[in-house]
Amino acid sequence: MADQVDSLGAVLKRIRDDAQEALSLVATRAELRALGWRCVGCGNVKHFTRPALKEIAAPCPKCRGAEFVPQ
């Protein structure tokens, strides 16, 4: 019975590790889109109704900068 519990624990740990790895891949992909992008040059924030790519935010309407970070 103890062997079954140990093997079940190993299987559950493997499932957990696989799920965490998958979530990290999704999180990396999700970072590419944001509802708001802040211009690095002047601090102006462009807001969107849906998550948008960083390339969509450029250029900044105030300073014409092209470098943005997620809000």
Protein backbone atom coordinates (compact mmCIF):
# COMPACT_ATOMS: atom_id res chain seq x y z
CA MET A 1 0.00 0.00 0.00
CA ALA A 2 2.88 2.37 0.78
CA ASP A 3 4.39 1.67 -2.64
CA GLN A 4 1.13 2.72 -4.31
CA VAL A 5 1.03 5.95 -2.31
CA ASP A 6 4.64 6.72 -3.22
CA SER A 7 4.06 6.04 -6.91
CA LEU A 8 0.87 8.11 -6.87
CA GLY A 9 2.81 10.95 -5.23
CA ALA A 10 5.49 10.72 -7.92
CA VAL A 11 2.86 10.81 -10.67
CA LEU A 12 1.15 13.84 -9.11
CA LYS A 13 4.48 15.67 -8.75
CA ARG A 14 5.23 14.98 -12.42
CA ILE A 15 1.81 16.33 -13.42
CA ARG A 16 2.41 19.43 -11.29
CA ASP A 17 5.84 20.02 -12.85
CA ASP A 18 4.45 19.62 -16.37
CA ALA A 19 1.59 22.01 -15.62
CA GLN A 20 3.97 24.62 -14.19
CA GLU A 21 6.16 24.39 -17.26
CA ALA A 22 3.13 24.81 -19.55
CA LEU A 23 1.95 27.81 -17.54
CA SER A 24 5.36 29.44 -17.77
CA LEU A 25 5.23 29.10 -21.56
CA VAL A 26 1.76 30.64 -21.61
CA ALA A 27 2.87 33.44 -19.28
CA THR A 28 5.75 34.25 -21.59
CA ARG A 29 3.33 34.45 -24.50
CA ALA A 30 0.85 36.54 -22.48
CA GLU A 31 3.53 39.12 -21.65
CA LEU A 32 3.64 40.05 -25.30
CA ARG A 33 0.14 41.55 -24.99
CA ALA A 34 -1.15 44.12 -22.50
CA LEU A 35 -4.13 46.41 -22.03
CA GLY A 36 -1.85 49.38 -21.51
CA TRP A 37 1.61 50.27 -22.78
CA ARG A 38 3.73 53.01 -21.18
CA CYS A 39 6.21 54.96 -23.31
CA VAL A 40 9.75 54.72 -21.93
CA GLY A 41 10.63 58.20 -23.20
CA CYS A 42 7.82 60.39 -21.84
CA GLY A 43 5.73 58.07 -19.65
CA ASN A 44 2.54 58.46 -21.71
CA VAL A 45 0.24 55.44 -21.42
CA LYS A 46 -1.73 54.12 -24.35
CA HIS A 47 -4.76 52.10 -23.26
CA PHE A 48 -6.51 49.43 -25.30
CA THR A 49 -9.85 47.63 -24.88
CA ARG A 50 -8.23 44.28 -25.68
CA PRO A 51 -4.68 43.10 -24.97
CA ALA A 52 -2.46 44.48 -27.71
CA LEU A 53 1.04 43.79 -28.93
CA LYS A 54 3.84 46.25 -28.18
CA GLU A 55 4.19 47.01 -31.89
CA ILE A 56 0.59 48.27 -31.99
CA ALA A 57 1.34 50.96 -29.39
CA ALA A 58 4.14 52.59 -31.40
CA PRO A 59 4.60 55.46 -32.10
CA CYS A 60 3.90 57.47 -28.96
CA PRO A 61 1.44 60.31 -29.71
CA LYS A 62 3.40 62.76 -27.51
CA CYS A 63 7.10 62.13 -28.17
CA ARG A 64 6.92 59.77 -31.18
CA GLY A 65 8.97 57.23 -29.23
CA ALA A 66 8.91 53.58 -30.18
CA GLU A 67 9.95 51.93 -26.89
CA PHE A 68 7.09 50.74 -24.67
CA VAL A 69 6.74 48.62 -21.52
CA PRO A 70 3.56 46.93 -20.25
CA GLN A 71 1.48 49.00 -17.85
